[in-house]
Amino acid sequence: MFIQPWDAALDDIEWQTWVADGHDFGLLSVNGLRGHAPIVVPTHFTVGKNTLLIHLARPNPVWKTIEVDPNVTFTVTSDYAFVPGPWRAKPGTPLVDGVPTSYYAAVQFTCQAAIIDDPEDKAELLRQQMAHFQPEGDHALIKVDQPPYGRMLPGIRGLRLDVTEVHAKFKYDDHEPVEQRIDTARRLTVRDQGLDTPAADQQLRRLERIGAWKS
């Protein structure tokens, strides 16, 4: 993922906070076997200490590839919006000369994947995921010898993704003048389509921390 200096995360806390703030769905990318395209799987995930935890159905085609090559990438992207050219036109120039762009936040994890097949280890993985996604505890006990989860465990495999590198990008025109960024955030909030408002929130949050960009 290419990252301009002004798009880079300001520190690790920034991207960690963003992921923790409900951005828990991403794309697992694994290298395809020789002669085949890479495999990309959308899935929820939970975060451990320098790890990501996911589980997938046993028939999923990723397993053969991971057994050969455990190097994988996991990408989380959200808070995106299309910014029309006229919004970015330079002062004193025709609006049609403005060049459009995309705003988005993305965190990309480079990982070593370890397959989890032991029934109790898979149950523990599910417990950790349930603690995140259903913290109220309104679900049956997850035990290898009790329904409903016990009889379902053979149908899944777990994955522990040990994170070796993180690239985080917050692309919100931070190198442009303050007045333009404020105006764009206002326009996004007014348009309010798709993820316009979250994108505007990210732009204003970054603006508060960065102010006028200094190279």
N, C-alpha and C. Protein backbone atom coordinates (compact mmCIF):
# COMPACT_ATOMS: atom_id res chain seq x y z
N MET A 1 0.85 -1.19 0.00
CA MET A 1 0.00 0.00 0.00
C MET A 1 0.89 1.24 0.00
N PHE A 2 0.73 2.08 -1.01
CA PHE A 2 1.52 3.30 -1.11
C PHE A 2 0.97 4.36 -0.15
N ILE A 3 1.85 4.98 0.62
CA ILE A 3 1.43 5.96 1.61
C ILE A 3 2.26 7.22 1.47
N GLN A 4 1.62 8.32 1.12
CA GLN A 4 2.29 9.62 1.10
C GLN A 4 2.57 10.06 2.54
N PRO A 5 3.57 10.90 2.75
CA PRO A 5 3.88 11.34 4.12
C PRO A 5 2.68 11.94 4.85
N TRP A 6 1.86 12.70 4.15
CA TRP A 6 0.72 13.37 4.80
C TRP A 6 -0.46 12.41 5.04
N ASP A 7 -0.40 11.22 4.47
CA ASP A 7 -1.46 10.23 4.68
C ASP A 7 -1.11 9.22 5.77
N ALA A 8 0.10 9.25 6.26
CA ALA A 8 0.56 8.23 7.21
C ALA A 8 -0.12 8.40 8.57
N ALA A 9 -0.26 7.29 9.28
CA ALA A 9 -0.75 7.37 10.65
C ALA A 9 0.19 8.22 11.49
N LEU A 10 -0.37 9.01 12.37
CA LEU A 10 0.44 9.91 13.18
C LEU A 10 1.19 9.15 14.27
N ASP A 11 0.64 8.01 14.68
CA ASP A 11 1.30 7.14 15.65
C ASP A 11 0.53 5.83 15.67
N ASP A 12 1.05 4.84 16.39
CA ASP A 12 0.37 3.55 16.46
C ASP A 12 -0.99 3.66 17.14
N ILE A 13 -1.10 4.55 18.11
CA ILE A 13 -2.36 4.68 18.84
C ILE A 13 -3.49 5.09 17.88
N GLU A 14 -3.17 5.89 16.87
CA GLU A 14 -4.21 6.34 15.94
C GLU A 14 -4.86 5.16 15.23
N TRP A 15 -4.06 4.29 14.62
CA TRP A 15 -4.68 3.19 13.88
C TRP A 15 -5.26 2.14 14.83
N GLN A 16 -4.64 1.95 15.99
CA GLN A 16 -5.17 0.99 16.95
C GLN A 16 -6.54 1.43 17.45
N THR A 17 -6.69 2.73 17.72
CA THR A 17 -7.97 3.26 18.17
C THR A 17 -9.01 3.13 17.07
N TRP A 18 -8.61 3.39 15.83
CA TRP A 18 -9.53 3.30 14.70
C TRP A 18 -10.03 1.87 14.54
N VAL A 19 -9.16 0.89 14.59
CA VAL A 19 -9.56 -0.51 14.47
C VAL A 19 -10.49 -0.88 15.62
N ALA A 20 -10.15 -0.46 16.83
CA ALA A 20 -10.95 -0.81 18.01
C ALA A 20 -12.33 -0.15 17.98
N ASP A 21 -12.48 0.92 17.20
CA ASP A 21 -13.73 1.66 17.14
C ASP A 21 -14.70 1.04 16.13
N GLY A 22 -14.89 -0.27 16.23
CA GLY A 22 -15.89 -0.93 15.40
C GLY A 22 -15.43 -1.34 14.02
N HIS A 23 -14.15 -1.18 13.70
CA HIS A 23 -13.66 -1.59 12.39
C HIS A 23 -13.05 -2.99 12.51
N ASP A 24 -13.94 -3.98 12.60
CA ASP A 24 -13.53 -5.35 12.88
C ASP A 24 -13.96 -6.31 11.77
N PHE A 25 -13.98 -5.81 10.54
CA PHE A 25 -14.29 -6.64 9.38
C PHE A 25 -13.30 -6.28 8.28
N GLY A 26 -12.68 -7.30 7.68
CA GLY A 26 -11.66 -7.01 6.68
C GLY A 26 -11.53 -8.10 5.65
N LEU A 27 -10.44 -8.04 4.90
CA LEU A 27 -10.18 -8.98 3.81
C LEU A 27 -8.88 -9.74 4.07
N LEU A 28 -8.98 -11.05 4.15
CA LEU A 28 -7.81 -11.91 4.24
C LEU A 28 -7.34 -12.23 2.83
N SER A 29 -6.07 -11.94 2.53
CA SER A 29 -5.51 -12.21 1.21
C SER A 29 -4.38 -13.22 1.35
N VAL A 30 -4.49 -14.32 0.60
CA VAL A 30 -3.45 -15.35 0.64
C VAL A 30 -2.93 -15.56 -0.78
N ASN A 31 -1.67 -15.96 -0.87
CA ASN A 31 -1.07 -16.22 -2.18
C ASN A 31 -1.73 -17.43 -2.82
N GLY A 32 -2.06 -17.28 -4.11
CA GLY A 32 -2.63 -18.42 -4.81
C GLY A 32 -1.58 -19.48 -5.08
N LEU A 33 -2.03 -20.73 -5.22
CA LEU A 33 -1.11 -21.77 -5.63
C LEU A 33 -0.60 -21.45 -7.04
N ARG A 34 0.53 -22.03 -7.40
CA ARG A 34 1.16 -21.72 -8.68
C ARG A 34 0.14 -21.83 -9.82
N GLY A 35 0.06 -20.76 -10.61
CA GLY A 35 -0.87 -20.73 -11.73
C GLY A 35 -2.26 -20.25 -11.39
N HIS A 36 -2.48 -19.90 -10.11
CA HIS A 36 -3.81 -19.44 -9.69
C HIS A 36 -3.71 -18.04 -9.08
N ALA A 37 -4.78 -17.30 -9.20
CA ALA A 37 -4.84 -15.95 -8.64
C ALA A 37 -4.86 -16.02 -7.11
N PRO A 38 -4.46 -14.93 -6.42
CA PRO A 38 -4.59 -14.89 -4.96
C PRO A 38 -6.05 -15.10 -4.55
N ILE A 39 -6.23 -15.58 -3.34
CA ILE A 39 -7.56 -15.80 -2.77
C ILE A 39 -7.82 -14.71 -1.75
N VAL A 40 -8.99 -14.08 -1.82
CA VAL A 40 -9.36 -13.00 -0.90
C VAL A 40 -10.67 -13.38 -0.22
N VAL A 41 -10.67 -13.33 1.12
CA VAL A 41 -11.83 -13.77 1.89
C VAL A 41 -12.28 -12.64 2.82
N PRO A 42 -13.52 -12.17 2.69
CA PRO A 42 -14.05 -11.19 3.65
C PRO A 42 -14.46 -11.88 4.94
N THR A 43 -14.10 -11.29 6.08
CA THR A 43 -14.43 -11.93 7.36
C THR A 43 -14.29 -10.97 8.52
N HIS A 44 -15.04 -11.24 9.58
CA HIS A 44 -14.81 -10.55 10.84
C HIS A 44 -13.53 -11.06 11.49
N PHE A 45 -12.99 -10.28 12.40
CA PHE A 45 -11.78 -10.68 13.11
C PHE A 45 -11.79 -10.05 14.49
N THR A 46 -10.96 -10.61 15.37
CA THR A 46 -10.72 -10.00 16.67
C THR A 46 -9.22 -9.83 16.84
N VAL A 47 -8.86 -8.90 17.71
CA VAL A 47 -7.46 -8.52 17.90
C VAL A 47 -6.96 -9.06 19.24
N GLY A 48 -5.82 -9.75 19.18
CA GLY A 48 -5.13 -10.16 20.39
C GLY A 48 -3.84 -9.39 20.52
N LYS A 49 -2.92 -9.87 21.33
CA LYS A 49 -1.63 -9.23 21.49
C LYS A 49 -0.75 -9.57 20.30
N ASN A 50 -0.60 -8.61 19.39
CA ASN A 50 0.17 -8.80 18.15
C ASN A 50 -0.38 -9.93 17.29
N THR A 51 -1.66 -10.20 17.42
CA THR A 51 -2.29 -11.25 16.62
C THR A 51 -3.68 -10.81 16.18
N LEU A 52 -4.15 -11.42 15.10
CA LEU A 52 -5.54 -11.34 14.69
C LEU A 52 -6.10 -12.76 14.73
N LEU A 53 -7.34 -12.90 15.15
CA LEU A 53 -7.98 -14.20 15.23
C LEU A 53 -9.19 -14.25 14.32
N ILE A 54 -9.26 -15.28 13.48
CA ILE A 54 -10.42 -15.47 12.62
C ILE A 54 -10.74 -16.96 12.56
N HIS A 55 -11.92 -17.29 12.06
CA HIS A 55 -12.23 -18.69 11.76
C HIS A 55 -13.00 -18.73 10.45
N LEU A 56 -12.81 -19.81 9.72
CA LEU A 56 -13.44 -19.97 8.42
C LEU A 56 -13.94 -21.40 8.27
N ALA A 57 -14.86 -21.61 7.34
CA ALA A 57 -15.39 -22.94 7.09
C ALA A 57 -14.29 -23.87 6.57
N ARG A 58 -14.37 -25.11 6.95
CA ARG A 58 -13.35 -26.08 6.53
C ARG A 58 -13.26 -26.23 5.01
N PRO A 59 -14.37 -26.11 4.23
CA PRO A 59 -14.24 -26.23 2.78
C PRO A 59 -13.59 -25.00 2.10
N ASN A 60 -13.30 -23.95 2.86
CA ASN A 60 -12.73 -22.74 2.25
C ASN A 60 -11.43 -23.09 1.52
N PRO A 61 -11.21 -22.52 0.32
CA PRO A 61 -10.02 -22.87 -0.45
C PRO A 61 -8.71 -22.30 0.08
N VAL A 62 -8.76 -21.47 1.11
CA VAL A 62 -7.51 -20.85 1.60
C VAL A 62 -6.58 -21.86 2.27
N TRP A 63 -7.13 -22.95 2.79
CA TRP A 63 -6.31 -23.82 3.63
C TRP A 63 -5.15 -24.46 2.88
N LYS A 64 -5.38 -24.94 1.67
CA LYS A 64 -4.30 -25.56 0.90
C LYS A 64 -3.16 -24.57 0.67
N THR A 65 -3.53 -23.32 0.37
CA THR A 65 -2.51 -22.31 0.10
C THR A 65 -1.73 -21.97 1.37
N ILE A 66 -2.44 -21.78 2.48
CA ILE A 66 -1.76 -21.41 3.73
C ILE A 66 -0.82 -22.52 4.19
N GLU A 67 -1.22 -23.77 3.96
CA GLU A 67 -0.34 -24.87 4.34
C GLU A 67 0.97 -24.85 3.56
N VAL A 68 0.93 -24.30 2.33
CA VAL A 68 2.13 -24.18 1.51
C VAL A 68 2.89 -22.90 1.82
N ASP A 69 2.14 -21.81 1.99
CA ASP A 69 2.75 -20.49 2.21
C ASP A 69 1.94 -19.73 3.26
N PRO A 70 2.45 -19.62 4.49
CA PRO A 70 1.70 -18.97 5.57
C PRO A 70 1.77 -17.44 5.55
N ASN A 71 2.45 -16.85 4.56
CA ASN A 71 2.54 -15.39 4.48
C ASN A 71 1.23 -14.83 3.92
N VAL A 72 0.54 -14.04 4.73
CA VAL A 72 -0.76 -13.50 4.33
C VAL A 72 -0.83 -12.00 4.65
N THR A 73 -1.83 -11.37 4.06
CA THR A 73 -2.12 -9.97 4.35
C THR A 73 -3.57 -9.84 4.77
N PHE A 74 -3.82 -9.01 5.78
CA PHE A 74 -5.19 -8.75 6.21
C PHE A 74 -5.41 -7.24 6.15
N THR A 75 -6.46 -6.82 5.45
CA THR A 75 -6.70 -5.40 5.19
C THR A 75 -8.06 -4.97 5.71
N VAL A 76 -8.07 -3.86 6.42
CA VAL A 76 -9.31 -3.26 6.92
C VAL A 76 -9.44 -1.87 6.30
N THR A 77 -10.56 -1.61 5.65
CA THR A 77 -10.78 -0.32 4.99
C THR A 77 -12.18 0.19 5.31
N SER A 78 -12.30 1.49 5.60
CA SER A 78 -13.62 2.07 5.86
C SER A 78 -13.51 3.60 5.81
N ASP A 79 -14.59 4.26 6.22
CA ASP A 79 -14.65 5.73 6.28
C ASP A 79 -14.19 6.34 4.95
N TYR A 80 -14.72 5.79 3.86
CA TYR A 80 -14.31 6.25 2.53
C TYR A 80 -15.39 7.12 1.88
N ALA A 81 -14.96 7.98 0.98
CA ALA A 81 -15.88 8.86 0.27
C ALA A 81 -15.21 9.33 -1.01
N PHE A 82 -16.01 9.54 -2.05
CA PHE A 82 -15.53 10.16 -3.28
C PHE A 82 -15.68 11.67 -3.16
N VAL A 83 -14.61 12.38 -3.46
CA VAL A 83 -14.60 13.85 -3.37
C VAL A 83 -14.56 14.41 -4.79
N PRO A 84 -15.63 15.07 -5.25
CA PRO A 84 -15.68 15.57 -6.63
C PRO A 84 -14.62 16.65 -6.90
N GLY A 85 -14.24 16.75 -8.16
CA GLY A 85 -13.22 17.71 -8.56
C GLY A 85 -13.53 19.15 -8.18
N PRO A 86 -14.75 19.67 -8.41
CA PRO A 86 -15.02 21.06 -8.08
C PRO A 86 -14.78 21.41 -6.62
N TRP A 87 -14.90 20.46 -5.72
CA TRP A 87 -14.65 20.72 -4.30
C TRP A 87 -13.17 21.01 -4.05
N ARG A 88 -12.30 20.55 -4.96
CA ARG A 88 -10.85 20.66 -4.74
C ARG A 88 -10.19 21.65 -5.70
N ALA A 89 -11.00 22.42 -6.40
CA ALA A 89 -10.44 23.39 -7.34
C ALA A 89 -9.63 24.45 -6.59
N LYS A 90 -8.49 24.83 -7.14
CA LYS A 90 -7.65 25.85 -6.53
C LYS A 90 -8.34 27.21 -6.63
N PRO A 91 -8.15 28.08 -5.64
CA PRO A 91 -8.76 29.41 -5.69
C PRO A 91 -8.36 30.14 -6.98
N GLY A 92 -9.35 30.77 -7.61
CA GLY A 92 -9.09 31.53 -8.82
C GLY A 92 -9.03 30.71 -10.09
N THR A 93 -9.29 29.39 -9.99
CA THR A 93 -9.28 28.54 -11.18
C THR A 93 -10.69 28.04 -11.44
N PRO A 94 -11.00 27.66 -12.69
CA PRO A 94 -12.33 27.12 -12.98
C PRO A 94 -12.62 25.86 -12.15
N LEU A 95 -13.87 25.74 -11.70
CA LEU A 95 -14.24 24.59 -10.88
C LEU A 95 -13.99 23.27 -11.61
N VAL A 96 -14.17 23.28 -12.95
CA VAL A 96 -14.00 22.04 -13.71
C VAL A 96 -12.54 21.60 -13.76
N ASP A 97 -11.62 22.48 -13.36
CA ASP A 97 -10.20 22.11 -13.33
C ASP A 97 -9.82 21.38 -12.04
N GLY A 98 -10.75 21.32 -11.10
CA GLY A 98 -10.47 20.59 -9.87
C GLY A 98 -10.35 19.09 -10.15
N VAL A 99 -9.44 18.44 -9.48
CA VAL A 99 -9.19 17.00 -9.69
C VAL A 99 -9.81 16.21 -8.54
N PRO A 100 -10.69 15.26 -8.85
CA PRO A 100 -11.34 14.49 -7.78
C PRO A 100 -10.35 13.54 -7.10
N THR A 101 -10.77 13.02 -5.95
CA THR A 101 -9.94 12.06 -5.23
C THR A 101 -10.83 11.17 -4.38
N SER A 102 -10.23 10.19 -3.76
CA SER A 102 -10.92 9.31 -2.81
C SER A 102 -10.35 9.56 -1.42
N TYR A 103 -11.23 9.62 -0.44
CA TYR A 103 -10.82 9.63 0.96
C TYR A 103 -11.07 8.23 1.52
N TYR A 104 -10.17 7.78 2.39
CA TYR A 104 -10.40 6.49 3.06
C TYR A 104 -9.38 6.30 4.17
N ALA A 105 -9.73 5.41 5.08
CA ALA A 105 -8.80 4.93 6.09
C ALA A 105 -8.56 3.45 5.81
N ALA A 106 -7.31 3.02 5.95
CA ALA A 106 -6.98 1.61 5.72
C ALA A 106 -5.83 1.19 6.62
N VAL A 107 -5.96 0.01 7.18
CA VAL A 107 -4.88 -0.59 7.96
C VAL A 107 -4.60 -1.96 7.35
N GLN A 108 -3.34 -2.18 7.03
CA GLN A 108 -2.93 -3.42 6.37
C GLN A 108 -1.92 -4.15 7.24
N PHE A 109 -2.26 -5.38 7.59
CA PHE A 109 -1.41 -6.21 8.45
C PHE A 109 -0.70 -7.27 7.60
N THR A 110 0.61 -7.33 7.71
CA THR A 110 1.37 -8.45 7.16
C THR A 110 1.52 -9.48 8.26
N CYS A 111 1.19 -10.74 7.94
CA CYS A 111 1.09 -11.74 9.01
C CYS A 111 1.66 -13.09 8.59
N GLN A 112 2.00 -13.87 9.61
CA GLN A 112 2.29 -15.28 9.47
C GLN A 112 1.09 -16.04 10.03
N ALA A 113 0.49 -16.88 9.20
CA ALA A 113 -0.73 -17.57 9.58
C ALA A 113 -0.43 -18.93 10.20
N ALA A 114 -1.11 -19.23 11.29
CA ALA A 114 -1.01 -20.54 11.93
C ALA A 114 -2.42 -21.13 12.02
N ILE A 115 -2.59 -22.32 11.48
CA ILE A 115 -3.90 -22.98 11.47
C ILE A 115 -4.17 -23.61 12.83
N ILE A 116 -5.40 -23.44 13.30
CA ILE A 116 -5.82 -24.00 14.59
C ILE A 116 -6.85 -25.09 14.32
N ASP A 117 -6.50 -26.33 14.66
CA ASP A 117 -7.40 -27.46 14.43
C ASP A 117 -7.82 -28.18 15.71
N ASP A 118 -7.07 -28.00 16.80
CA ASP A 118 -7.43 -28.67 18.05
C ASP A 118 -8.82 -28.18 18.50
N PRO A 119 -9.73 -29.09 18.81
CA PRO A 119 -11.10 -28.69 19.16
C PRO A 119 -11.17 -27.69 20.32
N GLU A 120 -10.41 -27.91 21.38
CA GLU A 120 -10.46 -26.99 22.52
C GLU A 120 -9.87 -25.64 22.15
N ASP A 121 -8.82 -25.63 21.33
CA ASP A 121 -8.24 -24.36 20.89
C ASP A 121 -9.22 -23.59 20.01
N LYS A 122 -9.96 -24.31 19.17
CA LYS A 122 -10.97 -23.64 18.35
C LYS A 122 -12.09 -23.08 19.23
N ALA A 123 -12.48 -23.84 20.24
CA ALA A 123 -13.52 -23.35 21.15
C ALA A 123 -13.05 -22.09 21.86
N GLU A 124 -11.80 -22.06 22.28
CA GLU A 124 -11.27 -20.88 22.96
C GLU A 124 -11.23 -19.68 22.01
N LEU A 125 -10.88 -19.93 20.76
CA LEU A 125 -10.90 -18.84 19.77
C LEU A 125 -12.31 -18.27 19.65
N LEU A 126 -13.31 -19.14 19.57
CA LEU A 126 -14.70 -18.67 19.47
C LEU A 126 -15.12 -17.92 20.72
N ARG A 127 -14.66 -18.36 21.89
CA ARG A 127 -14.98 -17.64 23.12
C ARG A 127 -14.43 -16.22 23.07
N GLN A 128 -13.21 -16.08 22.60
CA GLN A 128 -12.61 -14.75 22.51
C GLN A 128 -13.37 -13.88 21.52
N GLN A 129 -13.78 -14.48 20.40
CA GLN A 129 -14.54 -13.70 19.42
C GLN A 129 -15.92 -13.31 19.97
N MET A 130 -16.57 -14.22 20.66
CA MET A 130 -17.86 -13.91 21.24
C MET A 130 -17.76 -12.84 22.32
N ALA A 131 -16.67 -12.86 23.07
CA ALA A 131 -16.48 -11.83 24.09
C ALA A 131 -16.40 -10.45 23.46
N HIS A 132 -15.94 -10.40 22.22
CA HIS A 132 -15.87 -9.11 21.51
C HIS A 132 -17.21 -8.77 20.85
N PHE A 133 -17.79 -9.72 20.12
CA PHE A 133 -18.97 -9.42 19.31
C PHE A 133 -20.28 -9.53 20.08
N GLN A 134 -20.33 -10.38 21.11
CA GLN A 134 -21.52 -10.49 21.95
C GLN A 134 -21.12 -10.42 23.41
N PRO A 135 -20.61 -9.26 23.85
CA PRO A 135 -20.10 -9.14 25.22
C PRO A 135 -21.18 -9.32 26.28
N GLU A 136 -22.46 -9.21 25.87
CA GLU A 136 -23.54 -9.42 26.84
C GLU A 136 -23.59 -10.87 27.31
N GLY A 137 -22.95 -11.76 26.55
CA GLY A 137 -22.94 -13.16 26.94
C GLY A 137 -24.23 -13.89 26.63
N ASP A 138 -25.04 -13.33 25.72
CA ASP A 138 -26.34 -13.93 25.41
C ASP A 138 -26.20 -15.03 24.36
N HIS A 139 -25.42 -16.05 24.71
CA HIS A 139 -25.22 -17.19 23.81
C HIS A 139 -24.94 -18.42 24.65
N ALA A 140 -25.10 -19.58 24.04
CA ALA A 140 -24.83 -20.83 24.74
C ALA A 140 -23.35 -20.96 25.06
N LEU A 141 -23.03 -21.79 26.04
CA LEU A 141 -21.63 -22.07 26.36
C LEU A 141 -20.94 -22.70 25.16
N ILE A 142 -19.70 -22.29 24.94
CA ILE A 142 -18.93 -22.84 23.81
C ILE A 142 -18.02 -23.92 24.37
N LYS A 143 -18.49 -25.15 24.27
CA LYS A 143 -17.74 -26.30 24.78
C LYS A 143 -17.71 -27.39 23.72
N VAL A 144 -16.61 -28.12 23.70
CA VAL A 144 -16.42 -29.11 22.63
C VAL A 144 -17.40 -30.27 22.75
N ASP A 145 -17.97 -30.49 23.94
CA ASP A 145 -18.84 -31.65 24.14
C ASP A 145 -20.29 -31.27 24.39
N GLN A 146 -20.63 -30.00 24.04
CA GLN A 146 -22.00 -29.55 24.27
C GLN A 146 -22.54 -28.86 23.02
N PRO A 147 -23.84 -29.06 22.72
CA PRO A 147 -24.44 -28.33 21.62
C PRO A 147 -24.70 -26.88 22.05
N PRO A 148 -24.84 -25.96 21.09
CA PRO A 148 -24.81 -26.22 19.65
C PRO A 148 -23.40 -26.16 19.05
N TYR A 149 -22.46 -25.55 19.79
CA TYR A 149 -21.15 -25.30 19.19
C TYR A 149 -20.30 -26.56 19.08
N GLY A 150 -20.44 -27.48 20.03
CA GLY A 150 -19.62 -28.68 20.00
C GLY A 150 -19.72 -29.45 18.70
N ARG A 151 -20.95 -29.59 18.21
CA ARG A 151 -21.13 -30.37 16.98
C ARG A 151 -20.74 -29.58 15.73
N MET A 152 -20.55 -28.26 15.87
CA MET A 152 -20.19 -27.42 14.73
C MET A 152 -18.69 -27.24 14.59
N LEU A 153 -17.94 -27.48 15.65
CA LEU A 153 -16.50 -27.23 15.62
C LEU A 153 -15.77 -27.99 14.51
N PRO A 154 -16.14 -29.25 14.21
CA PRO A 154 -15.42 -29.94 13.13
C PRO A 154 -15.57 -29.26 11.77
N GLY A 155 -16.58 -28.43 11.61
CA GLY A 155 -16.81 -27.78 10.32
C GLY A 155 -16.03 -26.51 10.09
N ILE A 156 -15.24 -26.09 11.09
CA ILE A 156 -14.46 -24.87 10.95
C ILE A 156 -12.99 -25.14 11.27
N ARG A 157 -12.15 -24.22 10.83
CA ARG A 157 -10.74 -24.20 11.25
C ARG A 157 -10.44 -22.78 11.70
N GLY A 158 -9.59 -22.66 12.70
CA GLY A 158 -9.22 -21.34 13.18
C GLY A 158 -7.92 -20.87 12.55
N LEU A 159 -7.71 -19.57 12.59
CA LEU A 159 -6.47 -18.98 12.10
C LEU A 159 -5.97 -17.96 13.12
N ARG A 160 -4.73 -18.13 13.53
CA ARG A 160 -4.05 -17.09 14.30
C ARG A 160 -3.08 -16.41 13.36
N LEU A 161 -3.27 -15.11 13.18
CA LEU A 161 -2.41 -14.34 12.30
C LEU A 161 -1.44 -13.55 13.16
N ASP A 162 -0.19 -13.98 13.18
CA ASP A 162 0.84 -13.27 13.94
C ASP A 162 1.34 -12.09 13.12
N VAL A 163 1.09 -10.89 13.63
CA VAL A 163 1.37 -9.67 12.87
C VAL A 163 2.87 -9.37 12.89
N THR A 164 3.45 -9.22 11.71
CA THR A 164 4.87 -8.89 11.60
C THR A 164 5.10 -7.46 11.16
N GLU A 165 4.08 -6.84 10.54
CA GLU A 165 4.23 -5.47 10.05
C GLU A 165 2.85 -4.85 9.89
N VAL A 166 2.76 -3.55 10.15
CA VAL A 166 1.49 -2.83 10.01
C VAL A 166 1.73 -1.57 9.18
N HIS A 167 0.87 -1.36 8.17
CA HIS A 167 0.87 -0.13 7.39
C HIS A 167 -0.50 0.51 7.54
N ALA A 168 -0.53 1.76 7.99
CA ALA A 168 -1.80 2.45 8.21
C ALA A 168 -1.84 3.73 7.39
N LYS A 169 -2.99 3.99 6.78
CA LYS A 169 -3.14 5.14 5.89
C LYS A 169 -4.47 5.85 6.18
N PHE A 170 -4.39 7.16 6.33
CA PHE A 170 -5.58 8.00 6.52
C PHE A 170 -5.53 9.09 5.45
N LYS A 171 -6.21 8.85 4.34
CA LYS A 171 -6.11 9.72 3.16
C LYS A 171 -7.25 10.74 3.17
N TYR A 172 -6.94 11.94 3.71
CA TYR A 172 -7.98 12.96 3.85
C TYR A 172 -7.46 14.35 3.49
N ASP A 173 -6.59 14.43 2.48
CA ASP A 173 -6.12 15.73 1.97
C ASP A 173 -5.40 16.56 3.04
N ASP A 174 -4.66 15.92 3.93
CA ASP A 174 -4.02 16.64 5.02
C ASP A 174 -2.95 17.63 4.55
N HIS A 175 -2.53 17.51 3.30
CA HIS A 175 -1.52 18.44 2.77
C HIS A 175 -2.15 19.66 2.12
N GLU A 176 -3.47 19.68 2.00
CA GLU A 176 -4.17 20.81 1.40
C GLU A 176 -4.44 21.89 2.45
N PRO A 177 -4.78 23.13 2.00
CA PRO A 177 -5.02 24.22 2.95
C PRO A 177 -6.12 23.89 3.96
N VAL A 178 -5.98 24.44 5.15
CA VAL A 178 -6.94 24.19 6.22
C VAL A 178 -8.36 24.55 5.79
N GLU A 179 -8.50 25.70 5.12
CA GLU A 179 -9.83 26.16 4.73
C GLU A 179 -10.51 25.16 3.78
N GLN A 180 -9.72 24.59 2.88
CA GLN A 180 -10.28 23.62 1.93
C GLN A 180 -10.74 22.36 2.66
N ARG A 181 -9.94 21.91 3.62
CA ARG A 181 -10.30 20.69 4.34
C ARG A 181 -11.57 20.89 5.18
N ILE A 182 -11.69 22.05 5.80
CA ILE A 182 -12.91 22.36 6.56
C ILE A 182 -14.12 22.38 5.64
N ASP A 183 -13.96 23.00 4.47
CA ASP A 183 -15.06 23.10 3.52
C ASP A 183 -15.44 21.73 2.98
N THR A 184 -14.46 20.89 2.71
CA THR A 184 -14.76 19.55 2.21
C THR A 184 -15.51 18.74 3.26
N ALA A 185 -15.08 18.82 4.51
CA ALA A 185 -15.78 18.11 5.58
C ALA A 185 -17.22 18.59 5.67
N ARG A 186 -17.43 19.90 5.52
CA ARG A 186 -18.79 20.45 5.55
C ARG A 186 -19.62 19.89 4.40
N ARG A 187 -19.04 19.86 3.20
CA ARG A 187 -19.76 19.36 2.03
C ARG A 187 -20.10 17.87 2.18
N LEU A 188 -19.17 17.10 2.73
CA LEU A 188 -19.44 15.69 2.94
C LEU A 188 -20.59 15.49 3.92
N THR A 189 -20.60 16.28 4.99
CA THR A 189 -21.66 16.17 5.98
C THR A 189 -23.01 16.53 5.38
N VAL A 190 -23.04 17.54 4.54
CA VAL A 190 -24.29 17.96 3.89
C VAL A 190 -24.75 16.89 2.90
N ARG A 191 -23.81 16.36 2.10
CA ARG A 191 -24.19 15.34 1.12
C ARG A 191 -24.68 14.08 1.81
N ASP A 192 -23.96 13.61 2.82
CA ASP A 192 -24.36 12.53 3.72
C ASP A 192 -24.83 11.28 2.97
N GLN A 193 -24.03 10.84 2.03
CA GLN A 193 -24.29 9.59 1.33
C GLN A 193 -23.26 8.55 1.76
N GLY A 194 -23.71 7.31 1.92
CA GLY A 194 -22.78 6.25 2.27
C GLY A 194 -22.01 6.58 3.54
N LEU A 195 -20.67 6.61 3.44
CA LEU A 195 -19.82 6.88 4.59
C LEU A 195 -19.30 8.31 4.60
N ASP A 196 -20.04 9.23 3.98
CA ASP A 196 -19.61 10.63 3.93
C ASP A 196 -19.36 11.21 5.32
N THR A 197 -20.30 10.99 6.23
CA THR A 197 -20.16 11.61 7.56
C THR A 197 -18.98 11.03 8.34
N PRO A 198 -18.79 9.69 8.37
CA PRO A 198 -17.58 9.18 9.01
C PRO A 198 -16.29 9.70 8.35
N ALA A 199 -16.30 9.86 7.03
CA ALA A 199 -15.12 10.41 6.34
C ALA A 199 -14.87 11.84 6.78
N ALA A 200 -15.94 12.63 6.89
CA ALA A 200 -15.79 14.01 7.36
C ALA A 200 -15.26 14.04 8.79
N ASP A 201 -15.75 13.14 9.62
CA ASP A 201 -15.26 13.07 11.00
C ASP A 201 -13.77 12.77 11.05
N GLN A 202 -13.33 11.85 10.20
CA GLN A 202 -11.90 11.53 10.16
C GLN A 202 -11.08 12.73 9.69
N GLN A 203 -11.61 13.44 8.70
CA GLN A 203 -10.88 14.61 8.19
C GLN A 203 -10.74 15.68 9.27
N LEU A 204 -11.81 15.95 9.99
CA LEU A 204 -11.76 16.96 11.03
C LEU A 204 -10.89 16.52 12.21
N ARG A 205 -10.92 15.22 12.52
CA ARG A 205 -10.07 14.71 13.59
C ARG A 205 -8.60 14.90 13.24
N ARG A 206 -8.25 14.54 12.01
CA ARG A 206 -6.86 14.71 11.58
C ARG A 206 -6.49 16.19 11.52
N LEU A 207 -7.41 17.02 11.07
CA LEU A 207 -7.15 18.46 10.99
C LEU A 207 -6.83 19.03 12.37
N GLU A 208 -7.56 18.57 13.37
CA GLU A 208 -7.34 19.06 14.74
C GLU A 208 -5.94 18.71 15.22
N ARG A 209 -5.44 17.55 14.84
CA ARG A 209 -4.12 17.12 15.28
C ARG A 209 -2.99 17.73 14.45
N ILE A 210 -3.22 17.85 13.15
CA ILE A 210 -2.15 18.25 12.24
C ILE A 210 -2.11 19.75 12.01
N GLY A 211 -3.31 20.36 11.87
CA GLY A 211 -3.37 21.77 11.49
C GLY A 211 -2.86 21.93 10.07
N ALA A 212 -2.16 23.02 9.81
CA ALA A 212 -1.58 23.24 8.48
C ALA A 212 -0.42 22.26 8.29
N TRP A 213 -0.41 21.57 7.15
CA TRP A 213 0.62 20.57 6.88
C TRP A 213 2.00 21.23 6.71
N LYS A 214 2.96 20.68 7.41
CA LYS A 214 4.35 21.13 7.28
C LYS A 214 5.17 19.93 6.85
N SER A 215 5.81 20.03 5.69
CA SER A 215 6.57 18.91 5.14
C SER A 215 7.82 18.67 5.97
